[in-house]
PDB file of all heavy atoms in Angstrom:
ATOM      1  N   GLY A   1     -26.687 -23.807  -9.522  1.00  0.00           N
ATOM      2  CA  GLY A   1     -26.179 -25.170  -9.650  1.00  0.00           C
ATOM      3  C   GLY A   1     -26.495 -25.804 -10.986  1.00  0.00           C
ATOM      4  O   GLY A   1     -26.324 -27.004 -11.161  1.00  0.00           O
ATOM      5  N   ALA A   2     -26.929 -25.008 -11.964  1.00  0.00           N
ATOM      6  CA  ALA A   2     -27.337 -25.559 -13.257  1.00  0.00           C
ATOM      7  C   ALA A   2     -26.185 -25.719 -14.242  1.00  0.00           C
ATOM      8  O   ALA A   2     -26.221 -26.620 -15.076  1.00  0.00           O
ATOM      9  CB  ALA A   2     -28.414 -24.679 -13.883  1.00  0.00           C
ATOM     10  N   THR A   3     -25.163 -24.854 -14.175  1.00  0.00           N
ATOM     11  CA  THR A   3     -24.100 -24.898 -15.178  1.00  0.00           C
ATOM     12  C   THR A   3     -22.723 -24.688 -14.576  1.00  0.00           C
ATOM     13  O   THR A   3     -22.566 -24.107 -13.512  1.00  0.00           O
ATOM     14  CB  THR A   3     -24.296 -23.815 -16.272  1.00  0.00           C
ATOM     15  OG1 THR A   3     -24.239 -22.526 -15.659  1.00  0.00           O
ATOM     16  CG2 THR A   3     -25.595 -23.987 -17.024  1.00  0.00           C
ATOM     17  N   LEU A   4     -21.723 -25.177 -15.320  1.00  0.00           N
ATOM     18  CA  LEU A   4     -20.317 -24.885 -15.054  1.00  0.00           C
ATOM     19  C   LEU A   4     -19.778 -24.161 -16.272  1.00  0.00           C
ATOM     20  O   LEU A   4     -20.237 -24.404 -17.400  1.00  0.00           O
ATOM     21  CB  LEU A   4     -19.500 -26.161 -14.840  1.00  0.00           C
ATOM     22  CG  LEU A   4     -19.752 -26.978 -13.586  1.00  0.00           C
ATOM     23  CD1 LEU A   4     -18.755 -28.134 -13.507  1.00  0.00           C
ATOM     24  CD2 LEU A   4     -19.639 -26.125 -12.337  1.00  0.00           C
ATOM     25  N   GLY A   5     -18.806 -23.308 -16.070  1.00  0.00           N
ATOM     26  CA  GLY A   5     -18.177 -22.577 -17.164  1.00  0.00           C
ATOM     27  C   GLY A   5     -16.678 -22.789 -17.165  1.00  0.00           C
ATOM     28  O   GLY A   5     -16.011 -22.539 -16.163  1.00  0.00           O
ATOM     29  N   PHE A   6     -16.151 -23.268 -18.284  1.00  0.00           N
ATOM     30  CA  PHE A   6     -14.719 -23.508 -18.454  1.00  0.00           C
ATOM     31  C   PHE A   6     -14.125 -22.364 -19.265  1.00  0.00           C
ATOM     32  O   PHE A   6     -14.618 -22.054 -20.359  1.00  0.00           O
ATOM     33  CB  PHE A   6     -14.479 -24.811 -19.229  1.00  0.00           C
ATOM     34  CG  PHE A   6     -14.880 -26.048 -18.490  1.00  0.00           C
ATOM     35  CD1 PHE A   6     -16.202 -26.475 -18.474  1.00  0.00           C
ATOM     36  CD2 PHE A   6     -13.932 -26.805 -17.814  1.00  0.00           C
ATOM     37  CE1 PHE A   6     -16.574 -27.630 -17.803  1.00  0.00           C
ATOM     38  CE2 PHE A   6     -14.296 -27.959 -17.139  1.00  0.00           C
ATOM     39  CZ  PHE A   6     -15.621 -28.371 -17.132  1.00  0.00           C
ATOM     40  N   LEU A   7     -13.069 -21.735 -18.761  1.00  0.00           N
ATOM     41  CA  LEU A   7     -12.368 -20.713 -19.515  1.00  0.00           C
ATOM     42  C   LEU A   7     -11.482 -21.407 -20.535  1.00  0.00           C
ATOM     43  O   LEU A   7     -10.716 -22.318 -20.184  1.00  0.00           O
ATOM     44  CB  LEU A   7     -11.530 -19.837 -18.592  1.00  0.00           C
ATOM     45  CG  LEU A   7     -12.306 -18.747 -17.852  1.00  0.00           C
ATOM     46  CD1 LEU A   7     -13.306 -19.327 -16.882  1.00  0.00           C
ATOM     47  CD2 LEU A   7     -11.370 -17.807 -17.149  1.00  0.00           C
ATOM     48  N   VAL A   8     -11.613 -21.012 -21.802  1.00  0.00           N
ATOM     49  CA  VAL A   8     -10.863 -21.604 -22.905  1.00  0.00           C
ATOM     50  C   VAL A   8     -10.182 -20.480 -23.687  1.00  0.00           C
ATOM     51  O   VAL A   8     -10.541 -19.312 -23.528  1.00  0.00           O
ATOM     52  CB  VAL A   8     -11.783 -22.443 -23.827  1.00  0.00           C
ATOM     53  CG1 VAL A   8     -12.324 -23.661 -23.105  1.00  0.00           C
ATOM     54  CG2 VAL A   8     -12.925 -21.599 -24.377  1.00  0.00           C
ATOM     55  N   PRO A   9      -9.218 -20.789 -24.563  1.00  0.00           N
ATOM     56  CA  PRO A   9      -8.517 -19.734 -25.296  1.00  0.00           C
ATOM     57  C   PRO A   9      -9.471 -18.900 -26.158  1.00  0.00           C
ATOM     58  O   PRO A   9     -10.481 -19.411 -26.650  1.00  0.00           O
ATOM     59  CB  PRO A   9      -7.538 -20.503 -26.188  1.00  0.00           C
ATOM     60  CG  PRO A   9      -7.357 -21.815 -25.516  1.00  0.00           C
ATOM     61  CD  PRO A   9      -8.674 -22.119 -24.858  1.00  0.00           C
ATOM     62  N   PRO A  10      -9.149 -17.611 -26.358  1.00  0.00           N
ATOM     63  CA  PRO A  10      -9.981 -16.773 -27.220  1.00  0.00           C
ATOM     64  C   PRO A  10     -10.002 -17.352 -28.629  1.00  0.00           C
ATOM     65  O   PRO A  10      -9.012 -17.918 -29.093  1.00  0.00           O
ATOM     66  CB  PRO A  10      -9.299 -15.411 -27.183  1.00  0.00           C
ATOM     67  CG  PRO A  10      -7.902 -15.675 -26.752  1.00  0.00           C
ATOM     68  CD  PRO A  10      -7.950 -16.910 -25.902  1.00  0.00           C
ATOM     69  N   GLY A  11     -11.133 -17.245 -29.284  1.00  0.00           N
ATOM     70  CA  GLY A  11     -11.297 -17.791 -30.629  1.00  0.00           C
ATOM     71  C   GLY A  11     -11.905 -19.175 -30.639  1.00  0.00           C
ATOM     72  O   GLY A  11     -12.328 -19.664 -31.688  1.00  0.00           O
ATOM     73  N   THR A  12     -11.972 -19.840 -29.491  1.00  0.00           N
ATOM     74  CA  THR A  12     -12.547 -21.184 -29.405  1.00  0.00           C
ATOM     75  C   THR A  12     -14.003 -21.178 -29.856  1.00  0.00           C
ATOM     76  O   THR A  12     -14.461 -22.112 -30.523  1.00  0.00           O
ATOM     77  CB  THR A  12     -12.437 -21.746 -27.971  1.00  0.00           C
ATOM     78  OG1 THR A  12     -11.054 -21.824 -27.617  1.00  0.00           O
ATOM     79  CG2 THR A  12     -13.073 -23.119 -27.848  1.00  0.00           C
ATOM     80  N   ALA A  13     -14.734 -20.114 -29.531  1.00  0.00           N
ATOM     81  CA  ALA A  13     -16.166 -20.045 -29.854  1.00  0.00           C
ATOM     82  C   ALA A  13     -16.422 -20.159 -31.352  1.00  0.00           C
ATOM     83  O   ALA A  13     -17.448 -20.701 -31.759  1.00  0.00           O
ATOM     84  CB  ALA A  13     -16.775 -18.751 -29.313  1.00  0.00           C
ATOM     85  N   ALA A  14     -15.496 -19.693 -32.162  1.00  0.00           N
ATOM     86  CA  ALA A  14     -15.691 -19.717 -33.620  1.00  0.00           C
ATOM     87  C   ALA A  14     -15.857 -21.134 -34.151  1.00  0.00           C
ATOM     88  O   ALA A  14     -16.579 -21.350 -35.130  1.00  0.00           O
ATOM     89  CB  ALA A  14     -14.514 -19.041 -34.311  1.00  0.00           C
ATOM     90  N   GLY A  15     -15.227 -22.119 -33.509  1.00  0.00           N
ATOM     91  CA  GLY A  15     -15.322 -23.486 -34.001  1.00  0.00           C
ATOM     92  C   GLY A  15     -16.004 -24.449 -33.042  1.00  0.00           C
ATOM     93  O   GLY A  15     -15.966 -25.652 -33.260  1.00  0.00           O
ATOM     94  N   TRP A  16     -16.619 -23.923 -31.996  1.00  0.00           N
ATOM     95  CA  TRP A  16     -17.224 -24.791 -30.985  1.00  0.00           C
ATOM     96  C   TRP A  16     -18.617 -25.206 -31.425  1.00  0.00           C
ATOM     97  O   TRP A  16     -19.467 -24.361 -31.670  1.00  0.00           O
ATOM     98  CB  TRP A  16     -17.296 -24.085 -29.637  1.00  0.00           C
ATOM     99  CG  TRP A  16     -17.628 -25.013 -28.516  1.00  0.00           C
ATOM    100  CD1 TRP A  16     -18.863 -25.242 -27.998  1.00  0.00           C
ATOM    101  CD2 TRP A  16     -16.731 -25.853 -27.805  1.00  0.00           C
ATOM    102  NE1 TRP A  16     -18.783 -26.180 -26.988  1.00  0.00           N
ATOM    103  CE2 TRP A  16     -17.483 -26.572 -26.850  1.00  0.00           C
ATOM    104  CE3 TRP A  16     -15.362 -26.069 -27.873  1.00  0.00           C
ATOM    105  CZ2 TRP A  16     -16.902 -27.483 -25.970  1.00  0.00           C
ATOM    106  CZ3 TRP A  16     -14.790 -26.976 -27.007  1.00  0.00           C
ATOM    107  CH2 TRP A  16     -15.559 -27.671 -26.073  1.00  0.00           C
ATOM    108  N   ASP A  17     -18.868 -26.509 -31.527  1.00  0.00           N
ATOM    109  CA  ASP A  17     -20.176 -26.990 -31.982  1.00  0.00           C
ATOM    110  C   ASP A  17     -20.602 -28.257 -31.250  1.00  0.00           C
ATOM    111  O   ASP A  17     -21.291 -29.100 -31.803  1.00  0.00           O
ATOM    112  CB  ASP A  17     -20.152 -27.237 -33.490  1.00  0.00           C
ATOM    113  CG  ASP A  17     -19.165 -28.326 -33.902  1.00  0.00           C
ATOM    114  OD1 ASP A  17     -18.403 -28.801 -33.047  1.00  0.00           O
ATOM    115  OD2 ASP A  17     -19.155 -28.692 -35.078  1.00  0.00           O
ATOM    116  N   LEU A  18     -20.217 -28.368 -29.998  1.00  0.00           N
ATOM    117  CA  LEU A  18     -20.536 -29.572 -29.235  1.00  0.00           C
ATOM    118  C   LEU A  18     -21.960 -29.467 -28.698  1.00  0.00           C
ATOM    119  O   LEU A  18     -22.268 -28.564 -27.918  1.00  0.00           O
ATOM    120  CB  LEU A  18     -19.549 -29.740 -28.080  1.00  0.00           C
ATOM    121  CG  LEU A  18     -19.634 -31.042 -27.308  1.00  0.00           C
ATOM    122  CD1 LEU A  18     -19.251 -32.226 -28.202  1.00  0.00           C
ATOM    123  CD2 LEU A  18     -18.700 -30.991 -26.111  1.00  0.00           C
ATOM    124  N   PRO A  19     -22.861 -30.375 -29.118  1.00  0.00           N
ATOM    125  CA  PRO A  19     -24.241 -30.331 -28.626  1.00  0.00           C
ATOM    126  C   PRO A  19     -24.300 -30.388 -27.099  1.00  0.00           C
ATOM    127  O   PRO A  19     -23.511 -31.079 -26.460  1.00  0.00           O
ATOM    128  CB  PRO A  19     -24.881 -31.582 -29.245  1.00  0.00           C
ATOM    129  CG  PRO A  19     -24.041 -31.873 -30.453  1.00  0.00           C
ATOM    130  CD  PRO A  19     -22.644 -31.472 -30.063  1.00  0.00           C
ATOM    131  N   GLY A  20     -25.228 -29.630 -26.536  1.00  0.00           N
ATOM    132  CA  GLY A  20     -25.407 -29.605 -25.091  1.00  0.00           C
ATOM    133  C   GLY A  20     -24.518 -28.615 -24.377  1.00  0.00           C
ATOM    134  O   GLY A  20     -24.531 -28.536 -23.154  1.00  0.00           O
ATOM    135  N   SER A  21     -23.721 -27.870 -25.136  1.00  0.00           N
ATOM    136  CA  SER A  21     -22.843 -26.867 -24.544  1.00  0.00           C
ATOM    137  C   SER A  21     -22.929 -25.596 -25.376  1.00  0.00           C
ATOM    138  O   SER A  21     -23.457 -25.599 -26.474  1.00  0.00           O
ATOM    139  CB  SER A  21     -21.392 -27.369 -24.508  1.00  0.00           C
ATOM    140  OG  SER A  21     -20.876 -27.480 -25.831  1.00  0.00           O
ATOM    141  N   ALA A  22     -22.388 -24.521 -24.827  1.00  0.00           N
ATOM    142  CA  ALA A  22     -22.334 -23.250 -25.548  1.00  0.00           C
ATOM    143  C   ALA A  22     -20.975 -22.630 -25.287  1.00  0.00           C
ATOM    144  O   ALA A  22     -20.379 -22.832 -24.226  1.00  0.00           O
ATOM    145  CB  ALA A  22     -23.436 -22.315 -25.060  1.00  0.00           C
ATOM    146  N   CYS A  23     -20.472 -21.883 -26.255  1.00  0.00           N
ATOM    147  CA  CYS A  23     -19.203 -21.181 -26.073  1.00  0.00           C
ATOM    148  C   CYS A  23     -19.438 -19.711 -26.398  1.00  0.00           C
ATOM    149  O   CYS A  23     -19.870 -19.365 -27.495  1.00  0.00           O
ATOM    150  CB  CYS A  23     -18.115 -21.767 -26.959  1.00  0.00           C
ATOM    151  SG  CYS A  23     -16.467 -21.117 -26.562  1.00  0.00           S
ATOM    152  N   THR A  24     -19.161 -18.847 -25.433  1.00  0.00           N
ATOM    153  CA  THR A  24     -19.364 -17.412 -25.565  1.00  0.00           C
ATOM    154  C   THR A  24     -18.053 -16.741 -25.931  1.00  0.00           C
ATOM    155  O   THR A  24     -17.026 -16.983 -25.294  1.00  0.00           O
ATOM    156  CB  THR A  24     -19.874 -16.835 -24.227  1.00  0.00           C
ATOM    157  OG1 THR A  24     -21.040 -17.552 -23.844  1.00  0.00           O
ATOM    158  CG2 THR A  24     -20.185 -15.366 -24.335  1.00  0.00           C
ATOM    159  N   ARG A  25     -18.098 -15.889 -26.943  1.00  0.00           N
ATOM    160  CA  ARG A  25     -16.911 -15.151 -27.386  1.00  0.00           C
ATOM    161  C   ARG A  25     -16.626 -13.980 -26.458  1.00  0.00           C
ATOM    162  O   ARG A  25     -17.528 -13.344 -25.968  1.00  0.00           O
ATOM    163  CB  ARG A  25     -17.129 -14.547 -28.773  1.00  0.00           C
ATOM    164  CG  ARG A  25     -17.369 -15.526 -29.851  1.00  0.00           C
ATOM    165  CD  ARG A  25     -17.722 -14.768 -31.130  1.00  0.00           C
ATOM    166  NE  ARG A  25     -18.463 -15.619 -32.012  1.00  0.00           N
ATOM    167  CZ  ARG A  25     -17.938 -16.198 -33.090  1.00  0.00           C
ATOM    168  NH1 ARG A  25     -16.712 -15.949 -33.418  1.00  0.00           N
ATOM    169  NH2 ARG A  25     -18.663 -16.988 -33.841  1.00  0.00           N
ATOM    170  N   THR A  26     -15.339 -13.707 -26.310  1.00  0.00           N
ATOM    171  CA  THR A  26     -14.938 -12.489 -25.611  1.00  0.00           C
ATOM    172  C   THR A  26     -14.245 -11.542 -26.581  1.00  0.00           C
ATOM    173  O   THR A  26     -13.808 -10.485 -26.189  1.00  0.00           O
ATOM    174  CB  THR A  26     -13.979 -12.799 -24.448  1.00  0.00           C
ATOM    175  OG1 THR A  26     -12.785 -13.358 -24.990  1.00  0.00           O
ATOM    176  CG2 THR A  26     -14.599 -13.723 -23.435  1.00  0.00           C
ATOM    177  N   TRP A  27     -14.113 -11.960 -27.829  1.00  0.00           N
ATOM    178  CA  TRP A  27     -13.433 -11.174 -28.866  1.00  0.00           C
ATOM    179  C   TRP A  27     -11.978 -10.910 -28.483  1.00  0.00           C
ATOM    180  O   TRP A  27     -11.394  -9.923 -28.874  1.00  0.00           O
ATOM    181  CB  TRP A  27     -14.174  -9.875 -29.156  1.00  0.00           C
ATOM    182  CG  TRP A  27     -15.585 -10.139 -29.549  1.00  0.00           C
ATOM    183  CD1 TRP A  27     -16.692  -9.918 -28.797  1.00  0.00           C
ATOM    184  CD2 TRP A  27     -16.044 -10.739 -30.753  1.00  0.00           C
ATOM    185  NE1 TRP A  27     -17.807 -10.328 -29.459  1.00  0.00           N
ATOM    186  CE2 TRP A  27     -17.442 -10.826 -30.666  1.00  0.00           C
ATOM    187  CE3 TRP A  27     -15.416 -11.203 -31.907  1.00  0.00           C
ATOM    188  CZ2 TRP A  27     -18.220 -11.361 -31.694  1.00  0.00           C
ATOM    189  CZ3 TRP A  27     -16.194 -11.734 -32.920  1.00  0.00           C
ATOM    190  CH2 TRP A  27     -17.569 -11.816 -32.803  1.00  0.00           C
ATOM    191  N   GLY A  28     -11.400 -11.822 -27.696  1.00  0.00           N
ATOM    192  CA  GLY A  28      -9.978 -11.729 -27.373  1.00  0.00           C
ATOM    193  C   GLY A  28      -9.613 -10.674 -26.357  1.00  0.00           C
ATOM    194  O   GLY A  28      -8.451 -10.445 -26.102  1.00  0.00           O
ATOM    195  N   ARG A  29     -10.593 -10.018 -25.747  1.00  0.00           N
ATOM    196  CA  ARG A  29     -10.283  -8.997 -24.742  1.00  0.00           C
ATOM    197  C   ARG A  29      -9.758  -9.678 -23.491  1.00  0.00           C
ATOM    198  O   ARG A  29     -10.212 -10.748 -23.107  1.00  0.00           O
ATOM    199  CB  ARG A  29     -11.539  -8.199 -24.389  1.00  0.00           C
ATOM    200  CG  ARG A  29     -12.056  -7.369 -25.532  1.00  0.00           C
ATOM    201  CD  ARG A  29     -13.257  -6.607 -25.069  1.00  0.00           C
ATOM    202  NE  ARG A  29     -14.293  -7.552 -24.647  1.00  0.00           N
ATOM    203  CZ  ARG A  29     -15.524  -7.544 -25.113  1.00  0.00           C
ATOM    204  NH1 ARG A  29     -15.901  -6.664 -25.979  1.00  0.00           N
ATOM    205  NH2 ARG A  29     -16.404  -8.423 -24.670  1.00  0.00           N
ATOM    206  N   ALA A  30      -8.828  -9.020 -22.828  1.00  0.00           N
ATOM    207  CA  ALA A  30      -8.306  -9.563 -21.574  1.00  0.00           C
ATOM    208  C   ALA A  30      -9.348  -9.361 -20.486  1.00  0.00           C
ATOM    209  O   ALA A  30      -9.965  -8.317 -20.387  1.00  0.00           O
ATOM    210  CB  ALA A  30      -7.008  -8.876 -21.188  1.00  0.00           C
ATOM    211  N   THR A  31      -9.562 -10.375 -19.717  1.00  0.00           N
ATOM    212  CA  THR A  31     -10.469 -10.331 -18.579  1.00  0.00           C
ATOM    213  C   THR A  31      -9.620 -10.516 -17.334  1.00  0.00           C
ATOM    214  O   THR A  31      -8.714 -11.334 -17.318  1.00  0.00           O
ATOM    215  CB  THR A  31     -11.492 -11.478 -18.686  1.00  0.00           C
ATOM    216  OG1 THR A  31     -12.196 -11.339 -19.903  1.00  0.00           O
ATOM    217  CG2 THR A  31     -12.456 -11.460 -17.528  1.00  0.00           C
ATOM    218  N   ARG A  32      -9.933  -9.778 -16.301  1.00  0.00           N
ATOM    219  CA  ARG A  32      -9.193  -9.959 -15.047  1.00  0.00           C
ATOM    220  C   ARG A  32     -10.023 -10.837 -14.139  1.00  0.00           C
ATOM    221  O   ARG A  32     -11.178 -10.541 -13.856  1.00  0.00           O
ATOM    222  CB  ARG A  32      -8.902  -8.611 -14.409  1.00  0.00           C
ATOM    223  CG  ARG A  32      -7.867  -7.862 -15.220  1.00  0.00           C
ATOM    224  CD  ARG A  32      -7.269  -6.757 -14.389  1.00  0.00           C
ATOM    225  NE  ARG A  32      -6.029  -6.281 -14.938  1.00  0.00           N
ATOM    226  CZ  ARG A  32      -4.836  -6.821 -14.722  1.00  0.00           C
ATOM    227  NH1 ARG A  32      -4.705  -7.881 -13.991  1.00  0.00           N
ATOM    228  NH2 ARG A  32      -3.753  -6.293 -15.236  1.00  0.00           N
ATOM    229  N   LEU A  33      -9.430 -11.936 -13.740  1.00  0.00           N
ATOM    230  CA  LEU A  33     -10.125 -12.909 -12.910  1.00  0.00           C
ATOM    231  C   LEU A  33      -9.748 -12.710 -11.453  1.00  0.00           C
ATOM    232  O   LEU A  33      -8.606 -12.962 -11.067  1.00  0.00           O
ATOM    233  CB  LEU A  33      -9.753 -14.325 -13.337  1.00  0.00           C
ATOM    234  CG  LEU A  33     -10.061 -14.668 -14.786  1.00  0.00           C
ATOM    235  CD1 LEU A  33      -9.546 -16.059 -15.096  1.00  0.00           C
ATOM    236  CD2 LEU A  33     -11.529 -14.542 -15.066  1.00  0.00           C
ATOM    237  N   PRO A  34     -10.681 -12.261 -10.647  1.00  0.00           N
ATOM    238  CA  PRO A  34     -10.379 -12.078  -9.227  1.00  0.00           C
ATOM    239  C   PRO A  34     -10.415 -13.404  -8.485  1.00  0.00           C
ATOM    240  O   PRO A  34     -11.029 -14.363  -8.935  1.00  0.00           O
ATOM    241  CB  PRO A  34     -11.503 -11.165  -8.755  1.00  0.00           C
ATOM    242  CG  PRO A  34     -12.648 -11.502  -9.662  1.00  0.00           C
ATOM    243  CD  PRO A  34     -12.026 -11.850 -11.001  1.00  0.00           C
ATOM    244  N   ALA A  35      -9.760 -13.431  -7.348  1.00  0.00           N
ATOM    245  CA  ALA A  35      -9.807 -14.630  -6.506  1.00  0.00           C
ATOM    246  C   ALA A  35     -11.239 -14.880  -6.037  1.00  0.00           C
ATOM    247  O   ALA A  35     -11.670 -16.018  -5.911  1.00  0.00           O
ATOM    248  CB  ALA A  35      -8.875 -14.476  -5.311  1.00  0.00           C
ATOM    249  N   ALA A  36     -11.987 -13.792  -5.799  1.00  0.00           N
ATOM    250  CA  ALA A  36     -13.407 -13.920  -5.470  1.00  0.00           C
ATOM    251  C   ALA A  36     -14.163 -14.091  -6.788  1.00  0.00           C
ATOM    252  O   ALA A  36     -13.683 -13.680  -7.836  1.00  0.00           O
ATOM    253  CB  ALA A  36     -13.892 -12.671  -4.742  1.00  0.00           C
ATOM    254  N   PRO A  37     -15.349 -14.687  -6.781  1.00  0.00           N
ATOM    255  CA  PRO A  37     -16.116 -14.869  -8.014  1.00  0.00           C
ATOM    256  C   PRO A  37     -16.332 -13.532  -8.739  1.00  0.00           C
ATOM    257  O   PRO A  37     -16.540 -12.506  -8.094  1.00  0.00           O
ATOM    258  CB  PRO A  37     -17.445 -15.449  -7.535  1.00  0.00           C
ATOM    259  CG  PRO A  37     -17.107 -16.090  -6.233  1.00  0.00           C
ATOM    260  CD  PRO A  37     -16.021 -15.252  -5.629  1.00  0.00           C
ATOM    261  N   PRO A  38     -16.279 -13.549 -10.088  1.00  0.00           N
ATOM    262  CA  PRO A  38     -16.357 -12.311 -10.859  1.00  0.00           C
ATOM    263  C   PRO A  38     -17.753 -11.701 -10.969  1.00  0.00           C
ATOM    264  O   PRO A  38     -17.881 -10.574 -11.403  1.00  0.00           O
ATOM    265  CB  PRO A  38     -15.836 -12.726 -12.234  1.00  0.00           C
ATOM    266  CG  PRO A  38     -16.147 -14.171 -12.323  1.00  0.00           C
ATOM    267  CD  PRO A  38     -16.027 -14.702 -10.920  1.00  0.00           C
ATOM    268  N   ALA A  39     -18.788 -12.421 -10.617  1.00  0.00           N
ATOM    269  CA  ALA A  39     -20.152 -11.886 -10.731  1.00  0.00           C
ATOM    270  C   ALA A  39     -21.008 -12.425  -9.593  1.00  0.00           C
ATOM    271  O   ALA A  39     -20.780 -13.541  -9.104  1.00  0.00           O
ATOM    272  CB  ALA A  39     -20.763 -12.279 -12.079  1.00  0.00           C
TER     273      ALA A  39
END
């Protein structure tokens, strides 16, 4: 219950600098999002 994660377009991490948040790169790879939680 500590964090939420928003999926954003690839490349967003390169310019993301909002204090209190983090943006993780996927290097543009396609991820398959299942209806059930992915992890």
